[in-house]
Amino acid sequence: MGEPEIILIVAGGEVDREALRRAVSQARWILAADGGAAHLRAIGAIPHRVIGDLDSMDPETLSWLEQAGVPIERHSVDKDATDLELALEYARKLGGAIRVFGAWGSRLDQTVASLLLLAHPRWVGWDIRFVGLEREAFVLQGEGWIEGEPGDRVSLIPLIGDAEGVTLEGLFYPLQEGVLPFGSTLGISNRMIAPRAHIRVRRGLLLVIHERGL
């Protein structure tokens, strides 16, 4: 079985543009959540669709999109979901692995809400990763791998109750069928000691945050 198709969502937060260029070259679909279109314009990448209320869209980027004939799914400013959540819902219809750039920035409320979105039952089990400046975050149920370099920081935060049966391999602080209690900082600031780290959780959900080059 081949690798899943990549659906790229670009929001308006902080973005590493070189990493974004690489992601664009690998993506089957490119979606912009409102002001995220400006990041794509900056690297000359035309999205397949723009979704949002356009409250953070600058006039130059909007004109560029219209001239390129990009479909714009415009929503009311008084909507009941963020632009990123609406883009995720659209991406779900396409199927595939979802990579989100620009999910965090100066709005702490939106950053936290976006991360917690991934703990909702409709998203658990999907291959969704938020990618930022030398960091990525995803919610893990079951098992998964992290690829990086020795010294990279890895933090594991239990969501919706204790994480039980947690096994960690390739990290400085290993664990074998252990428990990470909900509301505890026990899983913060582990370190990779190999190019790959394996994480398994038998019961519960973990928010995994991987920070490179520290």
Protein backbone atom coordinates (compact mmCIF):
# COMPACT_ATOMS: atom_id res chain seq x y z
CA MET A 1 0.00 0.00 0.00
CA GLY A 2 1.38 3.42 -0.94
CA GLU A 3 1.66 6.52 1.18
CA PRO A 4 -1.64 8.37 1.81
CA GLU A 5 -2.35 11.51 -0.17
CA ILE A 6 -1.47 14.69 1.69
CA ILE A 7 -4.05 17.42 2.22
CA LEU A 8 -2.33 20.66 3.20
CA ILE A 9 -4.19 23.30 5.19
CA VAL A 10 -2.54 26.69 5.64
CA ALA A 11 -3.90 28.95 8.39
CA GLY A 12 -2.83 32.47 9.30
CA GLY A 13 -0.45 31.79 12.20
CA GLU A 14 3.33 31.41 12.26
CA VAL A 15 4.76 29.56 9.26
CA ASP A 16 8.22 28.38 8.23
CA ARG A 17 8.03 29.25 4.54
CA GLU A 18 10.82 26.91 3.46
CA ALA A 19 9.04 24.02 5.18
CA LEU A 20 5.79 25.21 3.59
CA ARG A 21 7.37 25.08 0.12
CA ARG A 22 8.38 21.46 0.72
CA ALA A 23 4.91 20.60 1.97
CA VAL A 24 3.26 22.22 -1.05
CA SER A 25 5.38 20.09 -3.39
CA GLN A 26 4.13 16.92 -1.66
CA ALA A 27 0.45 17.85 -1.29
CA ARG A 28 -2.41 16.55 -3.41
CA TRP A 29 -4.76 19.26 -2.17
CA ILE A 30 -3.96 22.73 -0.82
CA LEU A 31 -6.56 24.56 1.27
CA ALA A 32 -6.20 28.04 2.75
CA ALA A 33 -8.02 28.96 5.95
CA ASP A 34 -8.72 32.68 5.50
CA GLY A 35 -5.51 34.69 6.03
CA GLY A 36 -3.38 31.61 5.46
CA ALA A 37 -3.72 32.40 1.76
CA ALA A 38 -1.16 35.19 2.25
CA HIS A 39 1.50 32.62 3.18
CA LEU A 40 0.76 30.74 -0.04
CA ARG A 41 0.85 33.94 -2.08
CA ALA A 42 4.28 34.73 -0.60
CA ILE A 43 5.72 31.51 -2.03
CA GLY A 44 3.71 31.60 -5.27
CA ALA A 45 1.54 28.57 -4.48
CA ILE A 46 -2.10 28.78 -5.57
CA PRO A 47 -4.53 26.95 -3.27
CA HIS A 48 -7.32 24.75 -4.58
CA ARG A 49 -9.81 26.41 -2.23
CA VAL A 50 -10.07 29.17 0.38
CA ILE A 51 -12.38 28.74 3.37
CA GLY A 52 -13.29 31.33 6.00
CA ASP A 53 -14.98 34.60 6.82
CA LEU A 54 -12.15 36.63 5.17
CA ASP A 55 -11.84 38.93 8.17
CA SER A 56 -8.04 38.56 8.10
CA MET A 57 -7.66 38.57 4.32
CA ASP A 58 -5.69 41.53 2.94
CA PRO A 59 -7.04 43.14 -0.28
CA GLU A 60 -3.95 42.25 -2.34
CA THR A 61 -4.22 38.55 -1.51
CA LEU A 62 -7.96 38.54 -2.20
CA SER A 63 -7.37 40.14 -5.60
CA TRP A 64 -4.63 37.57 -6.35
CA LEU A 65 -7.00 34.71 -5.51
CA GLU A 66 -9.81 36.14 -7.64
CA GLN A 67 -7.50 36.63 -10.62
CA ALA A 68 -6.33 33.03 -10.27
CA GLY A 69 -9.94 31.80 -10.21
CA VAL A 70 -9.61 30.12 -6.81
CA PRO A 71 -12.97 29.01 -5.33
CA ILE A 72 -13.69 30.95 -2.14
CA GLU A 73 -16.06 29.41 0.40
CA ARG A 74 -17.06 32.49 2.35
CA HIS A 75 -18.69 32.22 5.78
CA SER A 76 -20.30 34.77 8.06
CA VAL A 77 -18.12 36.45 10.69
CA ASP A 78 -20.78 35.33 13.20
CA LYS A 79 -20.22 31.63 12.48
CA ASP A 80 -19.97 28.94 15.18
CA ALA A 81 -16.55 27.55 14.20
CA THR A 82 -13.09 28.89 13.45
CA ASP A 83 -11.83 29.08 9.89
CA LEU A 84 -9.42 26.23 10.66
CA GLU A 85 -12.19 23.96 11.91
CA LEU A 86 -14.18 24.63 8.74
CA ALA A 87 -11.11 23.81 6.63
CA LEU A 88 -10.58 20.57 8.56
CA GLU A 89 -14.19 19.58 7.91
CA TYR A 90 -13.70 20.17 4.19
CA ALA A 91 -10.43 18.21 4.22
CA ARG A 92 -12.17 15.28 5.88
CA LYS A 93 -14.40 14.91 2.82
CA LEU A 94 -11.32 14.61 0.60
CA GLY A 95 -9.71 11.83 2.65
CA GLY A 96 -6.01 11.39 3.28
CA ALA A 97 -3.39 12.59 5.73
CA ILE A 98 -3.84 16.19 6.84
CA ARG A 99 -0.96 18.56 7.56
CA VAL A 100 -1.76 21.98 9.02
CA PHE A 101 0.61 24.95 8.83
CA GLY A 102 -0.05 28.21 10.68
CA ALA A 103 -2.24 26.67 13.38
CA TRP A 104 -0.67 28.73 16.17
CA GLY A 105 0.35 32.33 16.59
CA SER A 106 -0.51 35.24 18.87
CA ARG A 107 -4.02 33.99 19.74
CA LEU A 108 -3.59 31.59 22.68
CA ASP A 109 -7.32 30.85 22.75
CA GLN A 110 -7.36 29.73 19.12
CA THR A 111 -4.15 27.73 19.51
CA VAL A 112 -5.49 25.75 22.49
CA ALA A 113 -8.90 25.27 20.87
CA SER A 114 -7.30 24.04 17.63
CA LEU A 115 -5.18 21.45 19.46
CA LEU A 116 -8.16 20.23 21.49
CA LEU A 117 -10.18 19.84 18.30
CA LEU A 118 -8.05 16.79 17.54
CA ALA A 119 -9.27 15.06 20.71
CA HIS A 120 -12.88 15.07 19.50
CA PRO A 121 -14.16 11.60 18.50
CA ARG A 122 -14.70 12.70 14.90
CA TRP A 123 -10.95 13.36 14.54
CA VAL A 124 -9.40 10.66 16.72
CA GLY A 125 -7.72 8.09 14.49
CA TRP A 126 -7.14 10.54 11.63
CA ASP A 127 -3.58 11.27 10.55
CA ILE A 128 -3.54 14.99 11.35
CA ARG A 129 -0.43 16.91 12.34
CA PHE A 130 -0.01 20.59 13.12
CA VAL A 131 3.35 21.78 11.80
CA GLY A 132 5.04 24.98 12.98
CA LEU A 133 8.42 26.60 13.44
CA GLU A 134 10.60 23.59 14.32
CA ARG A 135 7.70 21.85 16.03
CA GLU A 136 4.76 19.61 15.32
CA ALA A 137 1.82 18.40 17.38
CA PHE A 138 -0.70 15.61 17.01
CA VAL A 139 -3.10 13.52 19.09
CA LEU A 140 -2.21 9.86 19.47
CA GLN A 141 -4.49 6.93 20.18
CA GLY A 142 -2.84 3.52 19.96
CA GLU A 143 0.71 3.79 18.70
CA GLY A 144 2.87 5.98 16.51
CA TRP A 145 6.38 7.03 15.61
CA ILE A 146 8.28 10.32 15.77
CA GLU A 147 11.17 10.96 13.41
CA GLY A 148 13.79 13.52 14.37
CA GLU A 149 17.25 13.83 15.89
CA PRO A 150 18.76 12.93 19.25
CA GLY A 151 18.16 15.85 21.61
CA ASP A 152 14.78 16.83 20.16
CA ARG A 153 12.25 17.54 22.89
CA VAL A 154 9.09 15.42 23.12
CA SER A 155 6.24 16.23 25.51
CA LEU A 156 3.27 13.96 26.12
CA ILE A 157 0.11 15.47 27.59
CA PRO A 158 -2.84 13.21 28.54
CA LEU A 159 -6.23 14.34 27.26
CA ILE A 160 -9.68 13.30 28.53
CA GLY A 161 -8.44 11.29 31.51
CA ASP A 162 -5.34 9.28 32.36
CA ALA A 163 -3.27 7.70 29.61
CA GLU A 164 -2.73 4.06 30.59
CA GLY A 165 -0.43 1.35 29.32
CA VAL A 166 2.03 3.91 27.98
CA THR A 167 5.25 2.52 26.48
CA LEU A 168 8.04 4.82 25.29
CA GLU A 169 11.07 3.71 23.30
CA GLY A 170 13.86 5.83 21.83
CA LEU A 171 13.40 8.51 24.50
CA PHE A 172 15.71 9.48 27.38
CA TYR A 173 13.00 8.65 29.93
CA PRO A 174 11.59 5.28 28.82
CA LEU A 175 8.35 3.80 30.09
CA GLN A 176 6.86 0.32 29.99
CA GLU A 177 3.09 -0.02 30.40
CA GLY A 178 3.07 3.04 32.65
CA VAL A 179 0.46 5.68 33.46
CA LEU A 180 0.56 9.38 32.61
CA PRO A 181 -2.08 10.97 34.87
CA PHE A 182 -4.44 13.56 33.48
CA GLY A 183 -3.56 17.01 34.79
CA SER A 184 0.04 16.00 35.49
CA THR A 185 3.24 17.38 33.93
CA LEU A 186 4.99 14.00 34.19
CA GLY A 187 5.24 13.65 30.40
CA ILE A 188 6.76 17.08 29.76
CA SER A 189 10.28 17.60 28.34
CA ASN A 190 11.43 14.11 27.40
CA ARG A 191 14.27 13.86 24.84
CA MET A 192 14.91 11.74 21.79
CA ILE A 193 18.02 9.54 21.99
CA ALA A 194 17.64 8.03 18.52
CA PRO A 195 16.39 9.16 15.09
CA ARG A 196 13.04 7.45 15.78
CA ALA A 197 10.93 7.23 18.91
CA HIS A 198 8.05 4.82 19.42
CA ILE A 199 5.03 5.74 21.55
CA ARG A 200 2.22 3.37 22.45
CA VAL A 201 -0.81 4.04 24.64
CA ARG A 202 -3.18 1.20 25.47
CA ARG A 203 -5.99 3.40 26.80
CA GLY A 204 -6.59 7.12 26.48
CA LEU A 205 -5.32 9.94 24.29
CA LEU A 206 -1.99 11.75 24.25
CA LEU A 207 -1.23 15.16 22.82
CA VAL A 208 2.28 14.70 21.41
CA ILE A 209 4.44 17.81 20.92
CA HIS A 210 7.76 17.32 19.12
CA GLU A 211 10.20 20.25 19.07
CA ARG A 212 13.28 20.00 16.88
CA GLY A 213 16.76 21.43 17.12
CA LEU A 214 16.75 22.32 20.82
